Amino acid sequence: MTNQLTAAVFYFMAGLITFFCVFNRLILHMWEGTLKKIVGYSAMGVFMAGPAAAGWFLGWNRWAAVPAGLLAVFLLGELVRVNLRGKYRHNLPPALRNGNKKTGSFFTTEKLAIRRFEIFHPKWTGDPLRIVHVTDLHVDWKPSLSFYRSSFAAAAELNPDLMVLTGDYINKKEAIPRLEQIFRMPCARYGVYAVLGNHEFYTDPDTVTGILEAAGIRPAGGTCIRIETDSGRLNIWGHEYPWGKSADLDAMTARSREINIVLTHTPDNIFQLSQNGADIVFAGHFHGGQWRVPILGSLVIPSAHGRLLDQGHFQIGSTHLLVSAGLGTVWFPTRIRCEPELLVLDLKPARIRDRPVRRRFHETGMPAEGESAVVNLAQSLRSG
């Protein structure tokens, strides 16, 4: 009996890991609808209940080599992922992380965090430029309207020069009236720019685009918007691939001497964008996993690269990628150990970084997820 039970658990673990690999890389990319739900629940049964039953009946015999091999492949993949995250994770500590400190709460659905980062970029020669990134609202019956309104109020209090939004504003078409009540507040010195996410294309992209425009938000999908600031010129590109309009990547490459900021919903586009002159890419889509567990961190990430780029600041070549966990939820209306967040980027000229300064670093509550967590270091810069 004990041997049967332990074998069932062993087989189940191998099946569970296989399920998450298939779920993240294939099923989550299917078009939203009944078929996706059927495939998802069927895969859950096949990859979880099936192996558990097989382990119960087979016990510890030569067939146990199959789940053992799957677990070995998973562990090897984790080692590769940790190595790549070390390579891609931006090696400069983020600037002061403001807002709510690490809450320590289990349920974090409406516990807003504000995370700040700095980029000292050689192409930017003007005064510091502040960009606030908002994404993945997933407006539905939960979170509450008051949470969304207070989040946009918090974004306005950050005094952004630019505000960028990267898609998934609703969960379903019935939520559109609620979205109209939320998008009355966005404001920034040089404007607010947005692209659509997969949930807009699953529902009603034209109506959502109309709501954005009515709120004074400029849709950027498939276009390049040149912005003249007091500190210099920059290009905003909207790249909605693979669901909507793609940016003209050849034109972006031709403007590689200018600073190119790309708004895209999925971080999976980063490897293509990094080869076409993108300097800074803002993305969401992954929700930081929405549910995070100790040690492993995120589990469900709709990415062809698994959990590699789930949340935070990465650098692919010379391209900076900033992935936000967003504000809302999908499927299950809760966040577990994964705060909704606003992301703040202060873009500064490289010459500021070259000035002699005294830096003092201190922790603001390191998360427990190890490599899978967001780097939570606070940086205090004071003139010497």
Protein backbone atom coordinates (compact mmCIF):
# COMPACT_ATOMS: atom_id res chain seq x y z
CA MET A 1 0.00 0.00 0.00
CA THR A 2 2.78 2.42 0.96
CA ASN A 3 4.75 1.54 -2.19
CA GLN A 4 1.68 2.11 -4.33
CA LEU A 5 1.02 5.50 -2.73
CA THR A 6 4.60 6.75 -3.06
CA ALA A 7 4.75 5.56 -6.67
CA ALA A 8 1.45 7.35 -7.40
CA VAL A 9 2.82 10.59 -5.94
CA PHE A 10 6.07 10.21 -7.91
CA TYR A 11 4.20 9.67 -11.18
CA PHE A 12 1.81 12.51 -10.34
CA MET A 13 4.68 14.98 -9.83
CA ALA A 14 6.15 14.07 -13.21
CA GLY A 15 2.73 14.49 -14.81
CA LEU A 16 2.14 17.82 -13.06
CA ILE A 17 5.42 19.25 -14.36
CA THR A 18 4.66 18.00 -17.87
CA PHE A 19 1.20 19.59 -17.67
CA PHE A 20 2.61 23.00 -16.76
CA CYS A 21 5.14 22.84 -19.59
CA VAL A 22 2.43 22.02 -22.15
CA PHE A 23 -0.04 24.45 -20.57
CA ASN A 24 2.37 27.41 -20.56
CA ARG A 25 3.87 26.87 -23.99
CA LEU A 26 0.89 25.63 -26.01
CA ILE A 27 -2.57 25.69 -24.44
CA LEU A 28 -2.42 29.24 -23.08
CA HIS A 29 -1.65 30.50 -26.59
CA MET A 30 -4.88 29.10 -28.02
CA TRP A 31 -7.66 31.49 -28.99
CA GLU A 32 -9.97 32.14 -26.04
CA GLY A 33 -13.14 30.08 -26.12
CA THR A 34 -14.82 26.78 -25.36
CA LEU A 35 -12.23 24.71 -27.23
CA LYS A 36 -9.41 26.16 -25.11
CA LYS A 37 -11.26 25.23 -21.92
CA ILE A 38 -11.94 21.70 -23.14
CA VAL A 39 -8.30 21.20 -24.14
CA GLY A 40 -7.07 22.69 -20.87
CA TYR A 41 -9.22 20.56 -18.60
CA SER A 42 -8.59 17.46 -20.71
CA ALA A 43 -4.83 18.02 -20.51
CA MET A 44 -5.13 18.41 -16.76
CA GLY A 45 -6.79 15.03 -16.50
CA VAL A 46 -4.42 13.31 -18.90
CA PHE A 47 -1.20 14.68 -17.39
CA MET A 48 -2.18 14.57 -13.71
CA ALA A 49 -4.83 11.95 -13.00
CA GLY A 50 -3.48 9.58 -15.64
CA PRO A 51 0.09 9.33 -14.29
CA ALA A 52 -1.15 9.10 -10.69
CA ALA A 53 -3.35 6.14 -11.60
CA ALA A 54 -0.49 4.54 -13.55
CA GLY A 55 1.82 4.89 -10.55
CA TRP A 56 -0.77 3.30 -8.27
CA PHE A 57 -1.22 0.24 -10.45
CA LEU A 58 2.37 -0.14 -11.69
CA GLY A 59 4.18 0.62 -8.45
CA TRP A 60 7.96 0.76 -8.44
CA ASN A 61 8.98 -1.23 -11.48
CA ARG A 62 11.01 -0.49 -14.59
CA TRP A 63 8.31 1.92 -15.85
CA ALA A 64 9.28 4.30 -13.05
CA ALA A 65 12.21 5.27 -15.29
CA VAL A 66 9.76 7.30 -17.42
CA PRO A 67 8.67 9.78 -14.71
CA ALA A 68 12.23 9.77 -13.38
CA GLY A 69 13.47 10.86 -16.80
CA LEU A 70 10.84 13.62 -17.02
CA LEU A 71 11.82 14.93 -13.59
CA ALA A 72 15.50 14.87 -14.59
CA VAL A 73 14.71 16.88 -17.74
CA PHE A 74 12.77 19.38 -15.63
CA LEU A 75 15.65 19.83 -13.20
CA LEU A 76 18.07 20.30 -16.09
CA GLY A 77 15.70 22.88 -17.59
CA GLU A 78 15.56 24.72 -14.26
CA LEU A 79 19.35 24.92 -14.19
CA VAL A 80 19.37 26.32 -17.72
CA ARG A 81 16.64 28.82 -16.79
CA VAL A 82 18.53 30.03 -13.73
CA ASN A 83 21.66 30.45 -15.82
CA LEU A 84 19.81 32.42 -18.51
CA ARG A 85 18.05 34.61 -15.95
CA GLY A 86 21.45 35.41 -14.53
CA LYS A 87 22.57 36.38 -18.01
CA TYR A 88 19.50 38.44 -18.91
CA ARG A 89 18.68 39.96 -15.52
CA HIS A 90 19.82 43.55 -15.64
CA ASN A 91 22.93 43.87 -13.51
CA LEU A 92 22.23 47.36 -12.21
CA PRO A 93 20.17 47.53 -9.02
CA PRO A 94 16.78 49.21 -9.48
CA ALA A 95 16.27 52.62 -7.97
CA LEU A 96 14.32 53.15 -4.81
CA ARG A 97 11.28 50.90 -4.66
CA ASN A 98 8.49 53.07 -3.34
CA GLY A 99 4.88 52.53 -2.47
CA ASN A 100 3.83 49.54 -0.43
CA LYS A 101 6.72 47.51 0.91
CA LYS A 102 6.61 43.74 0.68
CA THR A 103 3.32 43.05 2.41
CA GLY A 104 3.99 39.54 3.65
CA SER A 105 0.34 38.83 2.89
CA PHE A 106 -0.82 35.60 1.33
CA PHE A 107 -3.62 37.22 -0.68
CA THR A 108 -2.34 40.33 -2.47
CA THR A 109 -5.14 41.00 -4.98
CA GLU A 110 -5.51 44.70 -4.14
CA LYS A 111 -2.23 45.44 -2.34
CA LEU A 112 -0.68 47.82 -4.83
CA ALA A 113 3.11 48.07 -5.14
CA ILE A 114 5.08 50.71 -7.02
CA ARG A 115 8.42 49.55 -8.38
CA ARG A 116 11.03 51.98 -9.65
CA PHE A 117 13.89 51.39 -12.05
CA GLU A 118 16.56 53.57 -13.61
CA ILE A 119 18.18 53.28 -17.02
CA PHE A 120 21.24 55.39 -17.84
CA HIS A 121 21.12 55.35 -21.62
CA PRO A 122 23.83 56.68 -23.96
CA LYS A 123 21.24 57.76 -26.55
CA TRP A 124 19.35 59.94 -24.09
CA THR A 125 21.12 63.26 -23.59
CA GLY A 126 18.43 65.39 -21.99
CA ASP A 127 17.04 65.73 -18.50
CA PRO A 128 15.65 62.65 -16.74
CA LEU A 129 12.37 61.43 -18.22
CA ARG A 130 9.85 59.56 -16.11
CA ILE A 131 7.72 56.84 -17.70
CA VAL A 132 4.93 55.10 -15.78
CA HIS A 133 3.87 51.70 -17.08
CA VAL A 134 0.36 50.34 -16.47
CA THR A 135 -0.78 47.01 -17.87
CA ASP A 136 -3.14 44.04 -17.61
CA LEU A 137 -6.09 45.67 -15.87
CA HIS A 138 -8.34 42.71 -16.78
CA VAL A 139 -11.37 44.69 -15.69
CA ASP A 140 -14.12 42.40 -14.42
CA TRP A 141 -16.22 42.17 -11.27
CA LYS A 142 -13.01 41.95 -9.26
CA PRO A 143 -10.76 43.82 -8.39
CA SER A 144 -13.05 46.64 -7.34
CA LEU A 145 -13.51 49.86 -9.28
CA SER A 146 -12.12 51.76 -6.31
CA PHE A 147 -8.88 49.76 -6.60
CA TYR A 148 -8.45 50.68 -10.27
CA ARG A 149 -9.25 54.34 -9.60
CA SER A 150 -6.83 54.55 -6.69
CA SER A 151 -4.16 52.85 -8.85
CA PHE A 152 -4.50 55.47 -11.59
CA ALA A 153 -4.54 58.19 -8.95
CA ALA A 154 -1.27 56.78 -7.61
CA ALA A 155 0.14 56.78 -11.15
CA ALA A 156 -0.79 60.46 -11.57
CA GLU A 157 0.88 61.34 -8.24
CA LEU A 158 4.15 59.99 -9.67
CA ASN A 159 4.19 62.98 -12.07
CA PRO A 160 4.97 60.99 -15.21
CA ASP A 161 6.33 62.60 -18.33
CA LEU A 162 4.93 59.66 -20.30
CA MET A 163 2.43 56.97 -19.41
CA VAL A 164 2.35 53.71 -21.38
CA LEU A 165 -0.25 50.95 -21.32
CA THR A 166 0.41 47.51 -22.78
CA GLY A 167 -2.91 45.74 -23.14
CA ASP A 168 -5.45 43.36 -21.63
CA TYR A 169 -7.81 46.01 -20.29
CA ILE A 170 -10.83 43.69 -19.98
CA ASN A 171 -11.52 40.02 -19.34
CA LYS A 172 -14.74 39.85 -21.33
CA LYS A 173 -16.97 42.09 -23.44
CA GLU A 174 -19.46 42.59 -20.61
CA ALA A 175 -16.76 44.50 -18.68
CA ILE A 176 -16.50 47.31 -21.24
CA PRO A 177 -18.86 49.69 -19.34
CA ARG A 178 -16.68 49.31 -16.23
CA LEU A 179 -13.60 50.10 -18.31
CA GLU A 180 -15.15 53.39 -19.41
CA GLN A 181 -15.51 54.41 -15.76
CA ILE A 182 -11.84 53.72 -15.08
CA PHE A 183 -10.22 55.45 -18.06
CA ARG A 184 -11.17 58.96 -17.01
CA MET A 185 -7.99 59.72 -15.13
CA PRO A 186 -4.80 58.93 -17.12
CA CYS A 187 -2.60 61.94 -17.65
CA ALA A 188 1.06 62.61 -18.38
CA ARG A 189 3.07 65.59 -19.55
CA TYR A 190 3.75 64.23 -23.04
CA GLY A 191 0.74 62.00 -23.34
CA VAL A 192 -0.52 58.48 -22.70
CA TYR A 193 0.08 55.75 -25.29
CA ALA A 194 -1.32 52.24 -25.52
CA VAL A 195 -1.35 48.96 -27.40
CA LEU A 196 -3.94 46.21 -27.20
CA GLY A 197 -3.49 42.75 -25.70
CA ASN A 198 -4.84 39.34 -26.60
CA HIS A 199 -8.04 39.79 -24.55
CA GLU A 200 -9.03 42.83 -26.60
CA PHE A 201 -8.67 40.82 -29.80
CA TYR A 202 -10.67 37.97 -28.23
CA THR A 203 -13.53 40.38 -27.46
CA ASP A 204 -14.00 43.77 -29.17
CA PRO A 205 -10.78 45.60 -30.16
CA ASP A 206 -12.57 48.43 -31.98
CA THR A 207 -14.75 49.35 -29.00
CA VAL A 208 -11.81 49.23 -26.59
CA THR A 209 -9.76 51.39 -28.95
CA GLY A 210 -12.62 53.89 -29.02
CA ILE A 211 -12.67 54.01 -25.21
CA LEU A 212 -8.93 54.65 -25.14
CA GLU A 213 -9.23 57.51 -27.62
CA ALA A 214 -12.21 59.03 -25.77
CA ALA A 215 -10.09 59.10 -22.61
CA GLY A 216 -7.28 60.95 -24.40
CA ILE A 217 -5.09 57.86 -24.74
CA ARG A 218 -3.37 57.49 -28.09
CA PRO A 219 -3.42 53.99 -29.64
CA ALA A 220 0.04 53.09 -30.89
CA GLY A 221 -0.51 49.63 -32.39
CA GLY A 222 1.37 49.19 -35.68
CA THR A 223 2.60 52.79 -35.68
CA CYS A 224 5.57 54.92 -34.72
CA ILE A 225 4.81 58.10 -32.79
CA ARG A 226 7.58 60.68 -32.59
CA ILE A 227 7.55 62.72 -29.43
CA GLU A 228 9.41 65.98 -29.03
CA THR A 229 10.17 66.65 -25.37
CA ASP A 230 12.02 69.50 -23.73
CA SER A 231 14.89 67.07 -23.30
CA GLY A 232 14.98 65.48 -26.73
CA ARG A 233 13.18 63.31 -29.25
CA LEU A 234 12.07 59.72 -28.81
CA ASN A 235 10.06 57.22 -30.82
CA ILE A 236 7.13 55.21 -29.42
CA TRP A 237 6.45 52.01 -31.36
CA GLY A 238 3.38 49.82 -30.91
CA HIS A 239 3.94 46.12 -31.60
CA GLU A 240 0.81 43.99 -31.11
CA TYR A 241 2.18 40.79 -32.66
CA PRO A 242 1.02 38.00 -32.72
CA TRP A 243 -2.63 39.10 -32.27
CA GLY A 244 -2.79 42.52 -33.93
CA LYS A 245 -0.76 45.13 -35.76
CA SER A 246 3.01 44.78 -35.92
CA ALA A 247 5.47 47.63 -35.83
CA ASP A 248 7.55 48.30 -38.92
CA LEU A 249 10.71 46.60 -37.70
CA ASP A 250 12.74 47.61 -40.76
CA ALA A 251 11.90 51.26 -40.13
CA MET A 252 12.88 50.82 -36.49
CA THR A 253 16.22 49.40 -37.53
CA ALA A 254 16.74 52.41 -39.82
CA ARG A 255 16.21 54.72 -36.82
CA SER A 256 18.61 52.86 -34.57
CA ARG A 257 20.51 56.07 -33.80
CA GLU A 258 17.40 57.47 -32.12
CA ILE A 259 15.96 56.15 -28.89
CA ASN A 260 13.22 53.64 -29.65
CA ILE A 261 10.68 52.67 -26.99
CA VAL A 262 8.43 49.73 -27.84
CA LEU A 263 5.07 48.90 -26.29
CA THR A 264 4.11 45.26 -26.70
CA HIS A 265 1.85 42.95 -24.78
CA THR A 266 3.92 39.78 -24.63
CA PRO A 267 7.58 39.77 -23.56
CA ASP A 268 8.13 36.88 -26.00
CA ASN A 269 8.66 39.52 -28.70
CA ILE A 270 11.85 40.76 -27.04
CA PHE A 271 14.29 38.56 -28.96
CA GLN A 272 13.03 39.84 -32.32
CA LEU A 273 12.79 43.45 -31.14
CA SER A 274 16.32 43.37 -29.74
CA GLN A 275 17.60 42.66 -33.24
CA ASN A 276 15.73 45.60 -34.78
CA GLY A 277 16.89 48.64 -32.88
CA ALA A 278 14.58 48.59 -29.84
CA ASP A 279 16.19 50.32 -26.85
CA ILE A 280 13.50 49.89 -24.19
CA VAL A 281 10.57 47.47 -24.33
CA PHE A 282 7.56 47.57 -21.99
CA ALA A 283 5.45 44.43 -21.69
CA GLY A 284 3.01 42.64 -19.40
CA HIS A 285 0.88 39.57 -20.17
CA PHE A 286 2.43 37.25 -17.57
CA HIS A 287 0.92 38.81 -14.39
CA GLY A 288 4.11 37.79 -12.60
CA GLY A 289 2.49 34.37 -12.48
CA GLN A 290 -0.44 35.82 -10.42
CA TRP A 291 0.13 32.98 -7.93
CA ARG A 292 3.68 32.60 -6.67
CA VAL A 293 4.96 29.82 -4.46
CA PRO A 294 8.10 29.76 -2.29
CA ILE A 295 11.35 28.79 -4.04
CA LEU A 296 9.78 28.18 -7.48
CA GLY A 297 8.01 31.53 -7.77
CA SER A 298 5.65 31.72 -10.76
CA LEU A 299 4.06 28.55 -12.14
CA VAL A 300 1.67 29.61 -14.91
CA ILE A 301 3.33 31.84 -17.51
CA PRO A 302 1.91 31.95 -21.08
CA SER A 303 5.29 32.03 -22.78
CA ALA A 304 7.20 30.00 -25.32
CA HIS A 305 10.18 30.51 -22.99
CA GLY A 306 8.45 29.26 -19.87
CA ARG A 307 9.18 31.24 -16.70
CA LEU A 308 12.36 32.83 -18.03
CA LEU A 309 11.17 36.46 -18.22
CA ASP A 310 8.21 36.40 -15.86
CA GLN A 311 8.65 39.75 -14.09
CA GLY A 312 11.22 42.51 -13.66
CA HIS A 313 14.01 44.25 -15.58
CA PHE A 314 16.05 42.27 -18.09
CA GLN A 315 18.60 43.14 -20.74
CA ILE A 316 18.80 41.25 -24.04
CA GLY A 317 21.85 42.52 -25.87
CA SER A 318 21.55 46.30 -25.63
CA THR A 319 17.76 46.22 -25.27
CA HIS A 320 16.14 46.77 -21.89
CA LEU A 321 12.97 44.78 -21.17
CA LEU A 322 10.64 45.78 -18.34
CA VAL A 323 7.92 43.24 -17.54
CA SER A 324 5.18 44.31 -15.17
CA ALA A 325 2.90 42.01 -13.16
CA GLY A 326 0.03 44.36 -14.00
CA LEU A 327 -3.03 45.23 -11.96
CA GLY A 328 -5.77 42.70 -12.59
CA THR A 329 -6.42 38.98 -12.53
CA VAL A 330 -7.58 36.35 -15.00
CA TRP A 331 -9.40 33.04 -14.53
CA PHE A 332 -9.24 33.16 -10.72
CA PRO A 333 -9.96 36.63 -9.22
CA THR A 334 -7.13 36.47 -6.69
CA ARG A 335 -3.41 37.13 -6.48
CA ILE A 336 -1.33 35.01 -4.12
CA ARG A 337 2.02 36.40 -2.97
CA CYS A 338 2.14 38.46 -6.18
CA GLU A 339 1.31 42.14 -5.74
CA PRO A 340 -0.39 44.16 -8.49
CA GLU A 341 2.04 46.86 -9.50
CA LEU A 342 2.80 50.09 -11.25
CA LEU A 343 6.22 50.23 -12.88
CA VAL A 344 8.17 53.49 -12.91
CA LEU A 345 11.16 54.03 -15.15
CA ASP A 346 13.42 57.06 -14.84
CA LEU A 347 15.34 57.40 -18.09
CA LYS A 348 18.56 59.32 -17.55
CA PRO A 349 21.54 60.25 -19.71
CA ALA A 350 24.62 58.10 -19.28
CA ARG A 351 26.67 61.14 -18.27
CA ILE A 352 24.76 61.35 -14.96
CA ARG A 353 25.91 57.87 -14.13
CA ASP A 354 29.49 58.92 -14.75
CA ARG A 355 29.37 61.61 -12.07
CA PRO A 356 31.08 60.74 -8.79
CA VAL A 357 28.35 59.82 -6.31
CA ARG A 358 28.19 57.94 -3.06
CA ARG A 359 25.83 54.98 -3.23
CA ARG A 360 24.33 53.22 -0.28
CA PHE A 361 22.32 50.06 -0.87
CA HIS A 362 19.94 48.48 1.58
CA GLU A 363 17.33 45.76 1.44
CA THR A 364 13.60 46.46 1.42
CA GLY A 365 12.43 42.94 2.10
CA MET A 366 13.92 40.39 -0.25
CA PRO A 367 11.24 38.03 -1.59
CA ALA A 368 11.47 34.35 -0.94
CA GLU A 369 11.23 33.18 -4.52
CA GLY A 370 14.96 33.22 -5.27
CA GLU A 371 15.66 33.44 -8.99
CA SER A 372 11.94 33.56 -9.82
CA ALA A 373 11.26 36.68 -7.78
CA VAL A 374 11.58 40.34 -8.60
CA VAL A 375 14.85 41.86 -7.41
CA ASN A 376 13.88 44.05 -4.48
CA LEU A 377 16.91 46.21 -3.66
CA ALA A 378 16.55 49.84 -2.69
CA GLN A 379 19.06 52.36 -3.86
CA SER A 380 19.69 55.72 -2.15
CA LEU A 381 21.68 58.25 -4.18
CA ARG A 382 23.02 61.33 -2.41
CA SER A 383 25.66 63.76 -3.52
CA GLY A 384 28.91 63.23 -1.68
